[in-house]
Amino acid sequence: MKIYALVYCLIVMMATIGCSKDNDLNLFTVSQDVEFGSQIDSAVLANPTDYPILNKSQYPAVYNYLETMLNDILQSDEILYRDEFNWKITIINSDVVNAFAAPGGYLFFYTGLIKYLDKGSQLAGIMGHEVAHTDRRHSTETMTKEYGFSVLLSILMGEESSQLEQILASLALQGTILAYSRSNENEADKFAVYYTADTRYYNPLGVGGFFEKLLAASEGNGIPEFLSTHPSDENRLENIQNTWNNLKASEPVLTSVDWQDLEAQHSAIKAILP
C-alpha cells in the first residue's frame, strides 16, 4: 500500500510541475498562492503597530505613481500570472528601507525605501524584482522544498488532511515571507531587467543602481534592511549587467527624456511623502 502511495505521490508531484508555468517544482496551486497572499495582506493590515499603512485617500498621487509603474511592468511579455494573481500595492509609512512581496501579487513598499532612492528607474527595478518573486512563485516553491514531500505524503495517507492549510495559516500569521535562496534572488534580478526593458520607460539597470547605492551605504554602517532580507552576492551586479548586455540585440528605444521625466515624477513623490 505504501509503495502505491509513493508512486501516486510522484505522479501528483509531476502533475503539479506541469501546472506551474515556469516548470519548477511547486506543490501549491496558483489559487493557493493567491489565498496565501491574501492572508498575509490581511495580517499586515490588521497590525498597524508594525505596519502603519499610508492612507491612500490622503496620498492618492503616491499610490497612483506606484500603481502606474506596476501596470507598466505587468505589460511585459515575461509576466506569467498577469490575470491569475490579485496584483495590489500597499505602502507602509515607515523609515525602513525595504520592500517585500507575498504570493499571489501582493506587494509592499516602505516610504523609507521610496525616499531613499535617487531615481524612478531604481524604484522600477526594485518593483520588478518583487514582481518576479511573486510571479515566479518563489515563496511557495520554497515552502514546497521545506514541507512538500512530507505534507503530500501525509495527505495521501490520510493522516493530516488539513496540514497544508495549517502551514499556510501559520506562515501568514507570522507576517513574513520565507527567506529566498541565492538562485531566487538572481532570478528576480534577471526578470527585473526583462520587465523594465519591456516597458520602454525605465532604465533596465535601475535595479543594479539601487544595489550599488545600498552597498556603498553599507560600508562601515551595517547591513541595510533590504540586504538583510534579500541576501547579497558579490556577483549580483555583474549578473544584472550581463543580463542587460544579452538583451541589447533587441534593445528598445529608451531616451534620456523618458528617464528624466520619470526622475522628475519620483522627486515630486518623495517631496509629498510624510
C-alpha atoms as a PDB file:
ATOM      1  CA  MET A   1       0.000   0.000   0.000  1.00  0.00           C
ATOM      2  CA  LYS A   2       2.805   2.391   0.889  1.00  0.00           C
ATOM      3  CA  ILE A   3       4.517   1.672  -2.430  1.00  0.00           C
ATOM      4  CA  TYR A   4       1.353   2.569  -4.312  1.00  0.00           C
ATOM      5  CA  ALA A   5       1.061   5.756  -2.257  1.00  0.00           C
ATOM      6  CA  LEU A   6       4.644   6.726  -3.080  1.00  0.00           C
ATOM      7  CA  VAL A   7       4.063   6.096  -6.787  1.00  0.00           C
ATOM      8  CA  TYR A   8       0.882   8.129  -6.675  1.00  0.00           C
ATOM      9  CA  CYS A   9       2.780  10.835  -4.797  1.00  0.00           C
ATOM     10  CA  LEU A  10       5.308  11.072  -7.605  1.00  0.00           C
ATOM     11  CA  ILE A  11       2.524  11.235 -10.209  1.00  0.00           C
ATOM     12  CA  VAL A  12       0.821  14.067  -8.348  1.00  0.00           C
ATOM     13  CA  MET A  13       4.127  15.906  -7.997  1.00  0.00           C
ATOM     14  CA  MET A  14       4.725  15.597 -11.746  1.00  0.00           C
ATOM     15  CA  ALA A  15       1.228  16.906 -12.382  1.00  0.00           C
ATOM     16  CA  THR A  16       1.976  19.835 -10.099  1.00  0.00           C
ATOM     17  CA  ILE A  17       5.108  20.642 -12.090  1.00  0.00           C
ATOM     18  CA  GLY A  18       3.049  20.610 -15.265  1.00  0.00           C
ATOM     19  CA  CYS A  19       0.650  23.180 -13.785  1.00  0.00           C
ATOM     20  CA  SER A  20       3.493  25.582 -12.967  1.00  0.00           C
ATOM     21  CA  LYS A  21       4.172  27.844 -15.914  1.00  0.00           C
ATOM     22  CA  ASP A  22       7.882  28.130 -15.125  1.00  0.00           C
ATOM     23  CA  ASN A  23       8.159  24.306 -14.850  1.00  0.00           C
ATOM     24  CA  ASP A  24       9.646  24.494 -11.345  1.00  0.00           C
ATOM     25  CA  LEU A  25       8.527  22.067  -8.663  1.00  0.00           C
ATOM     26  CA  ASN A  26       5.670  23.620  -6.690  1.00  0.00           C
ATOM     27  CA  LEU A  27       3.237  21.594  -4.597  1.00  0.00           C
ATOM     28  CA  PHE A  28       0.908  24.560  -4.190  1.00  0.00           C
ATOM     29  CA  THR A  29      -1.697  25.601  -6.720  1.00  0.00           C
ATOM     30  CA  VAL A  30      -1.925  29.091  -8.195  1.00  0.00           C
ATOM     31  CA  SER A  31      -5.147  29.675  -6.259  1.00  0.00           C
ATOM     32  CA  GLN A  32      -3.310  28.754  -3.046  1.00  0.00           C
ATOM     33  CA  ASP A  33      -0.679  31.378  -3.881  1.00  0.00           C
ATOM     34  CA  VAL A  34      -3.495  33.928  -4.047  1.00  0.00           C
ATOM     35  CA  GLU A  35      -5.032  32.615  -0.815  1.00  0.00           C
ATOM     36  CA  PHE A  36      -1.700  32.727   0.997  1.00  0.00           C
ATOM     37  CA  GLY A  37      -1.011  36.270  -0.242  1.00  0.00           C
ATOM     38  CA  SER A  38      -4.469  37.396   0.838  1.00  0.00           C
ATOM     39  CA  GLN A  39      -3.845  36.007   4.339  1.00  0.00           C
ATOM     40  CA  ILE A  40      -0.554  37.895   4.594  1.00  0.00           C
ATOM     41  CA  ASP A  41      -2.207  41.070   3.291  1.00  0.00           C
ATOM     42  CA  SER A  42      -4.916  40.773   5.948  1.00  0.00           C
ATOM     43  CA  ALA A  43      -2.311  40.131   8.661  1.00  0.00           C
ATOM     44  CA  VAL A  44      -0.366  43.251   7.642  1.00  0.00           C
ATOM     45  CA  LEU A  45      -3.474  45.444   7.543  1.00  0.00           C
ATOM     46  CA  ALA A  46      -4.547  44.151  10.961  1.00  0.00           C
ATOM     47  CA  ASN A  47      -1.215  45.143  12.555  1.00  0.00           C
ATOM     48  CA  PRO A  48      -0.883  48.944  12.297  1.00  0.00           C
ATOM     49  CA  THR A  49       1.746  48.994  15.050  1.00  0.00           C
ATOM     50  CA  ASP A  50       4.277  47.090  12.980  1.00  0.00           C
ATOM     51  CA  TYR A  51       2.837  48.077   9.596  1.00  0.00           C
ATOM     52  CA  PRO A  52       1.427  51.642   9.655  1.00  0.00           C
ATOM     53  CA  ILE A  53      -0.246  51.896   6.254  1.00  0.00           C
ATOM     54  CA  LEU A  54      -0.003  55.122   4.237  1.00  0.00           C
ATOM     55  CA  ASN A  55      -3.569  56.323   3.763  1.00  0.00           C
ATOM     56  CA  LYS A  56      -4.491  56.036   0.101  1.00  0.00           C
ATOM     57  CA  SER A  57      -7.207  58.702   0.247  1.00  0.00           C
ATOM     58  CA  GLN A  58      -4.727  61.202   1.748  1.00  0.00           C
ATOM     59  CA  TYR A  59      -1.902  60.377  -0.679  1.00  0.00           C
ATOM     60  CA  PRO A  60      -3.588  59.378  -3.951  1.00  0.00           C
ATOM     61  CA  ALA A  61      -0.699  60.700  -6.074  1.00  0.00           C
ATOM     62  CA  VAL A  62       1.798  58.414  -4.346  1.00  0.00           C
ATOM     63  CA  TYR A  63      -0.350  55.342  -4.868  1.00  0.00           C
ATOM     64  CA  ASN A  64      -1.123  56.349  -8.453  1.00  0.00           C
ATOM     65  CA  TYR A  65       2.601  56.699  -9.166  1.00  0.00           C
ATOM     66  CA  LEU A  66       3.421  53.200  -7.895  1.00  0.00           C
ATOM     67  CA  GLU A  67       0.303  51.604  -9.388  1.00  0.00           C
ATOM     68  CA  THR A  68       1.027  53.110 -12.802  1.00  0.00           C
ATOM     69  CA  MET A  69       4.572  51.768 -12.583  1.00  0.00           C
ATOM     70  CA  LEU A  70       3.221  48.330 -11.643  1.00  0.00           C
ATOM     71  CA  ASN A  71       0.754  48.349 -14.538  1.00  0.00           C
ATOM     72  CA  ASP A  72       3.606  49.227 -16.919  1.00  0.00           C
ATOM     73  CA  ILE A  73       5.691  46.322 -15.612  1.00  0.00           C
ATOM     74  CA  LEU A  74       2.763  43.907 -15.874  1.00  0.00           C
ATOM     75  CA  GLN A  75       2.575  44.581 -19.623  1.00  0.00           C
ATOM     76  CA  SER A  76       5.844  42.696 -20.081  1.00  0.00           C
ATOM     77  CA  ASP A  77       5.555  39.515 -22.141  1.00  0.00           C
ATOM     78  CA  GLU A  78       7.635  37.811 -19.439  1.00  0.00           C
ATOM     79  CA  ILE A  79       4.828  38.007 -16.843  1.00  0.00           C
ATOM     80  CA  LEU A  80       3.329  34.551 -16.268  1.00  0.00           C
ATOM     81  CA  TYR A  81       0.376  35.253 -13.963  1.00  0.00           C
ATOM     82  CA  ARG A  82      -0.853  38.690 -15.022  1.00  0.00           C
ATOM     83  CA  ASP A  83      -4.500  37.619 -14.977  1.00  0.00           C
ATOM     84  CA  GLU A  84      -4.438  34.926 -12.286  1.00  0.00           C
ATOM     85  CA  PHE A  85      -2.932  36.992  -9.452  1.00  0.00           C
ATOM     86  CA  ASN A  86      -4.501  39.850  -7.466  1.00  0.00           C
ATOM     87  CA  TRP A  87      -1.872  42.500  -8.108  1.00  0.00           C
ATOM     88  CA  LYS A  88      -2.016  45.030  -5.278  1.00  0.00           C
ATOM     89  CA  ILE A  89       0.351  47.638  -3.859  1.00  0.00           C
ATOM     90  CA  THR A  90       0.374  48.585  -0.185  1.00  0.00           C
ATOM     91  CA  ILE A  91       2.618  51.384   1.090  1.00  0.00           C
ATOM     92  CA  ILE A  92       3.873  51.151   4.662  1.00  0.00           C
ATOM     93  CA  ASN A  93       4.576  54.517   6.297  1.00  0.00           C
ATOM     94  CA  SER A  94       7.913  53.786   7.936  1.00  0.00           C
ATOM     95  CA  ASP A  95      11.539  54.893   7.505  1.00  0.00           C
ATOM     96  CA  VAL A  96      12.581  51.267   6.946  1.00  0.00           C
ATOM     97  CA  VAL A  97      14.424  50.905   3.620  1.00  0.00           C
ATOM     98  CA  ASN A  98      12.724  47.764   2.402  1.00  0.00           C
ATOM     99  CA  ALA A  99      10.062  46.122   0.250  1.00  0.00           C
ATOM    100  CA  PHE A 100       8.647  42.622   0.151  1.00  0.00           C
ATOM    101  CA  ALA A 101       6.312  40.508  -1.939  1.00  0.00           C
ATOM    102  CA  ALA A 102       3.706  37.982  -0.885  1.00  0.00           C
ATOM    103  CA  PRO A 103       2.412  35.208  -3.148  1.00  0.00           C
ATOM    104  CA  GLY A 104      -0.482  35.987  -5.446  1.00  0.00           C
ATOM    105  CA  GLY A 105       0.603  39.500  -6.440  1.00  0.00           C
ATOM    106  CA  TYR A 106       0.613  41.348  -3.107  1.00  0.00           C
ATOM    107  CA  LEU A 107       3.457  43.908  -2.999  1.00  0.00           C
ATOM    108  CA  PHE A 108       4.538  46.032  -0.025  1.00  0.00           C
ATOM    109  CA  PHE A 109       6.780  49.124  -0.181  1.00  0.00           C
ATOM    110  CA  TYR A 110       8.015  51.241   2.714  1.00  0.00           C
ATOM    111  CA  THR A 111       8.046  55.012   2.384  1.00  0.00           C
ATOM    112  CA  GLY A 112      11.625  54.859   3.693  1.00  0.00           C
ATOM    113  CA  LEU A 113      12.608  52.972   0.545  1.00  0.00           C
ATOM    114  CA  ILE A 114      10.882  55.412  -1.799  1.00  0.00           C
ATOM    115  CA  LYS A 115      12.520  58.423  -0.127  1.00  0.00           C
ATOM    116  CA  TYR A 116      15.893  56.676  -0.072  1.00  0.00           C
ATOM    117  CA  LEU A 117      16.028  56.138  -3.833  1.00  0.00           C
ATOM    118  CA  ASP A 118      17.545  58.703  -6.186  1.00  0.00           C
ATOM    119  CA  LYS A 119      15.765  57.719  -9.373  1.00  0.00           C
ATOM    120  CA  GLY A 120      12.438  56.404 -10.550  1.00  0.00           C
ATOM    121  CA  SER A 121      14.264  53.714 -12.501  1.00  0.00           C
ATOM    122  CA  GLN A 122      15.683  52.374  -9.217  1.00  0.00           C
ATOM    123  CA  LEU A 123      12.171  52.054  -7.818  1.00  0.00           C
ATOM    124  CA  ALA A 124      11.027  50.384 -11.050  1.00  0.00           C
ATOM    125  CA  GLY A 125      13.935  47.955 -10.756  1.00  0.00           C
ATOM    126  CA  ILE A 126      13.037  47.036  -7.191  1.00  0.00           C
ATOM    127  CA  MET A 127       9.369  46.741  -8.114  1.00  0.00           C
ATOM    128  CA  GLY A 128      10.325  44.446 -10.989  1.00  0.00           C
ATOM    129  CA  HIS A 129      12.424  42.413  -8.566  1.00  0.00           C
ATOM    130  CA  GLU A 130       9.492  41.996  -6.149  1.00  0.00           C
ATOM    131  CA  VAL A 131       7.067  41.251  -9.008  1.00  0.00           C
ATOM    132  CA  ALA A 132       9.446  38.494 -10.109  1.00  0.00           C
ATOM    133  CA  HIS A 133       9.457  36.941  -6.633  1.00  0.00           C
ATOM    134  CA  THR A 134       5.682  36.576  -6.704  1.00  0.00           C
ATOM    135  CA  ASP A 135       5.265  35.877 -10.441  1.00  0.00           C
ATOM    136  CA  ARG A 136       7.926  33.141 -10.373  1.00  0.00           C
ATOM    137  CA  ARG A 137       6.211  31.795  -7.227  1.00  0.00           C
ATOM    138  CA  HIS A 138       9.382  31.799  -5.116  1.00  0.00           C
ATOM    139  CA  SER A 139       7.605  31.698  -1.731  1.00  0.00           C
ATOM    140  CA  THR A 140       5.517  28.608  -2.417  1.00  0.00           C
ATOM    141  CA  GLU A 141       8.414  26.952  -4.245  1.00  0.00           C
ATOM    142  CA  THR A 142      10.471  27.428  -1.074  1.00  0.00           C
ATOM    143  CA  MET A 143       7.613  26.045   1.014  1.00  0.00           C
ATOM    144  CA  THR A 144       7.463  23.048  -1.316  1.00  0.00           C
ATOM    145  CA  LYS A 145      11.168  22.364  -0.763  1.00  0.00           C
ATOM    146  CA  GLU A 146      10.806  22.643   3.010  1.00  0.00           C
ATOM    147  CA  TYR A 147       7.475  20.862   3.505  1.00  0.00           C
ATOM    148  CA  GLY A 148       6.400  19.454   0.159  1.00  0.00           C
ATOM    149  CA  PHE A 149       7.081  15.737   0.174  1.00  0.00           C
ATOM    150  CA  SER A 150       6.159  15.086   3.808  1.00  0.00           C
ATOM    151  CA  VAL A 151       2.992  17.185   3.523  1.00  0.00           C
ATOM    152  CA  LEU A 152       1.907  15.498   0.305  1.00  0.00           C
ATOM    153  CA  LEU A 153       2.615  12.046   1.675  1.00  0.00           C
ATOM    154  CA  SER A 154       0.675  12.688   4.896  1.00  0.00           C
ATOM    155  CA  ILE A 155      -2.260  13.984   2.854  1.00  0.00           C
ATOM    156  CA  LEU A 156      -2.164  10.936   0.581  1.00  0.00           C
ATOM    157  CA  MET A 157      -2.036   8.603   3.567  1.00  0.00           C
ATOM    158  CA  GLY A 158      -4.972  10.415   5.169  1.00  0.00           C
ATOM    159  CA  GLU A 159      -3.004  11.191   8.312  1.00  0.00           C
ATOM    160  CA  GLU A 160      -3.285  15.002   8.441  1.00  0.00           C
ATOM    161  CA  SER A 161      -5.532  16.212   5.665  1.00  0.00           C
ATOM    162  CA  SER A 162      -5.545  19.800   6.962  1.00  0.00           C
ATOM    163  CA  GLN A 163      -1.751  20.146   7.303  1.00  0.00           C
ATOM    164  CA  LEU A 164      -1.422  22.179   4.116  1.00  0.00           C
ATOM    165  CA  GLU A 165      -3.972  24.725   5.332  1.00  0.00           C
ATOM    166  CA  GLN A 166      -2.297  24.882   8.744  1.00  0.00           C
ATOM    167  CA  ILE A 167       1.063  25.725   7.194  1.00  0.00           C
ATOM    168  CA  LEU A 168      -0.491  28.452   5.080  1.00  0.00           C
ATOM    169  CA  ALA A 169      -2.262  29.975   8.061  1.00  0.00           C
ATOM    170  CA  SER A 170       0.744  29.843  10.394  1.00  0.00           C
ATOM    171  CA  LEU A 171       3.069  31.443   7.868  1.00  0.00           C
ATOM    172  CA  ALA A 172       0.534  34.162   7.103  1.00  0.00           C
ATOM    173  CA  LEU A 173       0.132  34.987  10.780  1.00  0.00           C
ATOM    174  CA  GLN A 174       3.865  35.494  11.082  1.00  0.00           C
ATOM    175  CA  GLY A 175       3.534  38.392   8.660  1.00  0.00           C
ATOM    176  CA  THR A 176       6.787  37.376   6.993  1.00  0.00           C
ATOM    177  CA  ILE A 177       7.960  35.653   3.834  1.00  0.00           C
ATOM    178  CA  LEU A 178      10.325  32.713   3.799  1.00  0.00           C
ATOM    179  CA  ALA A 179      13.910  33.611   3.025  1.00  0.00           C
ATOM    180  CA  TYR A 180      14.699  33.365  -0.671  1.00  0.00           C
ATOM    181  CA  SER A 181      17.631  31.374  -1.986  1.00  0.00           C
ATOM    182  CA  ARG A 182      20.501  32.954  -3.878  1.00  0.00           C
ATOM    183  CA  SER A 183      19.137  31.460  -7.106  1.00  0.00           C
ATOM    184  CA  ASN A 184      15.739  33.051  -6.367  1.00  0.00           C
ATOM    185  CA  GLU A 185      17.394  36.426  -5.855  1.00  0.00           C
ATOM    186  CA  ASN A 186      19.392  36.150  -9.080  1.00  0.00           C
ATOM    187  CA  GLU A 187      16.272  35.132 -10.990  1.00  0.00           C
ATOM    188  CA  ALA A 188      14.353  38.099  -9.551  1.00  0.00           C
ATOM    189  CA  ASP A 189      17.185  40.441 -10.602  1.00  0.00           C
ATOM    190  CA  LYS A 190      17.186  38.960 -14.106  1.00  0.00           C
ATOM    191  CA  PHE A 191      13.459  39.370 -14.601  1.00  0.00           C
ATOM    192  CA  ALA A 192      13.551  42.902 -13.173  1.00  0.00           C
ATOM    193  CA  VAL A 193      15.809  43.739 -16.133  1.00  0.00           C
ATOM    194  CA  TYR A 194      13.475  41.928 -18.557  1.00  0.00           C
ATOM    195  CA  TYR A 195      10.333  43.630 -17.235  1.00  0.00           C
ATOM    196  CA  THR A 196      11.724  47.172 -17.250  1.00  0.00           C
ATOM    197  CA  ALA A 197      13.270  46.699 -20.693  1.00  0.00           C
ATOM    198  CA  ASP A 198       9.823  45.734 -21.990  1.00  0.00           C
ATOM    199  CA  THR A 199       8.181  48.868 -20.568  1.00  0.00           C
ATOM    200  CA  ARG A 200      10.311  51.250 -22.682  1.00  0.00           C
ATOM    201  CA  TYR A 201      10.111  53.819 -19.865  1.00  0.00           C
ATOM    202  CA  TYR A 202      12.523  52.658 -17.196  1.00  0.00           C
ATOM    203  CA  ASN A 203      16.277  52.191 -17.333  1.00  0.00           C
ATOM    204  CA  PRO A 204      16.709  48.385 -17.140  1.00  0.00           C
ATOM    205  CA  LEU A 205      19.824  48.827 -14.999  1.00  0.00           C
ATOM    206  CA  GLY A 206      17.831  50.602 -12.290  1.00  0.00           C
ATOM    207  CA  VAL A 207      17.846  47.561 -10.016  1.00  0.00           C
ATOM    208  CA  GLY A 208      21.648  47.437 -10.320  1.00  0.00           C
ATOM    209  CA  GLY A 209      21.908  51.157  -9.488  1.00  0.00           C
ATOM    210  CA  PHE A 210      19.868  50.575  -6.358  1.00  0.00           C
ATOM    211  CA  PHE A 211      22.162  47.782  -5.174  1.00  0.00           C
ATOM    212  CA  GLU A 212      25.217  49.941  -5.859  1.00  0.00           C
ATOM    213  CA  LYS A 213      23.701  52.635  -3.641  1.00  0.00           C
ATOM    214  CA  LEU A 214      22.889  50.130  -0.889  1.00  0.00           C
ATOM    215  CA  LEU A 215      26.332  48.562  -0.921  1.00  0.00           C
ATOM    216  CA  ALA A 216      28.041  51.959  -0.810  1.00  0.00           C
ATOM    217  CA  ALA A 217      25.883  52.992   2.134  1.00  0.00           C
ATOM    218  CA  SER A 218      26.592  49.742   3.972  1.00  0.00           C
ATOM    219  CA  GLU A 219      30.351  50.312   4.210  1.00  0.00           C
ATOM    220  CA  GLY A 220      31.006  50.819   7.898  1.00  0.00           C
ATOM    221  CA  ASN A 221      27.317  51.360   8.667  1.00  0.00           C
ATOM    222  CA  GLY A 222      25.992  47.823   8.976  1.00  0.00           C
ATOM    223  CA  ILE A 223      23.791  45.950   6.529  1.00  0.00           C
ATOM    224  CA  PRO A 224      20.773  47.900   5.173  1.00  0.00           C
ATOM    225  CA  GLU A 225      17.381  46.350   5.870  1.00  0.00           C
ATOM    226  CA  PHE A 226      16.838  45.353   2.252  1.00  0.00           C
ATOM    227  CA  LEU A 227      20.088  43.390   2.116  1.00  0.00           C
ATOM    228  CA  SER A 228      19.249  41.649   5.380  1.00  0.00           C
ATOM    229  CA  THR A 229      16.056  40.266   3.830  1.00  0.00           C
ATOM    230  CA  HIS A 230      17.453  39.910   0.301  1.00  0.00           C
ATOM    231  CA  PRO A 231      20.838  38.185   0.607  1.00  0.00           C
ATOM    232  CA  SER A 232      23.691  39.860  -1.244  1.00  0.00           C
ATOM    233  CA  ASP A 233      26.059  38.186  -3.669  1.00  0.00           C
ATOM    234  CA  GLU A 234      29.398  39.535  -4.846  1.00  0.00           C
ATOM    235  CA  ASN A 235      28.444  38.645  -8.443  1.00  0.00           C
ATOM    236  CA  ARG A 236      24.985  40.192  -8.301  1.00  0.00           C
ATOM    237  CA  LEU A 237      25.763  43.462 -10.075  1.00  0.00           C
ATOM    238  CA  GLU A 238      27.766  41.602 -12.696  1.00  0.00           C
ATOM    239  CA  ASN A 239      24.826  39.255 -13.300  1.00  0.00           C
ATOM    240  CA  ILE A 240      22.476  42.214 -13.755  1.00  0.00           C
ATOM    241  CA  GLN A 241      24.832  43.868 -16.258  1.00  0.00           C
ATOM    242  CA  ASN A 242      25.279  40.595 -18.145  1.00  0.00           C
ATOM    243  CA  THR A 243      21.525  40.130 -18.365  1.00  0.00           C
ATOM    244  CA  TRP A 244      21.174  43.576 -19.916  1.00  0.00           C
ATOM    245  CA  ASN A 245      24.092  43.008 -22.292  1.00  0.00           C
ATOM    246  CA  ASN A 246      22.411  39.843 -23.549  1.00  0.00           C
ATOM    247  CA  LEU A 247      19.253  41.818 -24.320  1.00  0.00           C
ATOM    248  CA  LYS A 248      20.976  44.579 -26.253  1.00  0.00           C
ATOM    249  CA  ALA A 249      20.320  42.968 -29.622  1.00  0.00           C
ATOM    250  CA  SER A 250      16.648  43.831 -29.126  1.00  0.00           C
ATOM    251  CA  GLU A 251      17.214  46.972 -27.050  1.00  0.00           C
ATOM    252  CA  PRO A 252      14.066  49.160 -27.013  1.00  0.00           C
ATOM    253  CA  VAL A 253      14.237  52.834 -27.846  1.00  0.00           C
ATOM    254  CA  LEU A 254      14.993  54.428 -24.495  1.00  0.00           C
ATOM    255  CA  THR A 255      15.706  58.138 -24.475  1.00  0.00           C
ATOM    256  CA  SER A 256      17.106  60.278 -21.695  1.00  0.00           C
ATOM    257  CA  VAL A 257      13.928  62.365 -21.927  1.00  0.00           C
ATOM    258  CA  ASP A 258      11.830  59.369 -20.862  1.00  0.00           C
ATOM    259  CA  TRP A 259      14.083  58.752 -17.890  1.00  0.00           C
ATOM    260  CA  GLN A 260      14.331  62.430 -16.933  1.00  0.00           C
ATOM    261  CA  ASP A 261      10.547  62.715 -16.909  1.00  0.00           C
ATOM    262  CA  LEU A 262      10.365  59.714 -14.635  1.00  0.00           C
ATOM    263  CA  GLU A 263      13.005  61.116 -12.288  1.00  0.00           C
ATOM    264  CA  ALA A 264      11.021  64.361 -12.057  1.00  0.00           C
ATOM    265  CA  GLN A 265       7.919  62.411 -11.046  1.00  0.00           C
ATOM    266  CA  HIS A 266       9.936  60.475  -8.499  1.00  0.00           C
ATOM    267  CA  SER A 267      11.291  63.684  -6.953  1.00  0.00           C
ATOM    268  CA  ALA A 268       7.766  65.076  -6.726  1.00  0.00           C
ATOM    269  CA  ILE A 269       6.502  61.935  -4.995  1.00  0.00           C
ATOM    270  CA  LYS A 270       9.372  61.998  -2.484  1.00  0.00           C
ATOM    271  CA  ALA A 271       8.573  65.631  -1.675  1.00  0.00           C
ATOM    272  CA  ILE A 272       4.985  64.905  -0.635  1.00  0.00           C
ATOM    273  CA  LEU A 273       5.656  61.747   1.364  1.00  0.00           C
ATOM    274  CA  PRO A 274       5.216  62.140   5.149  1.00  0.00           C
END
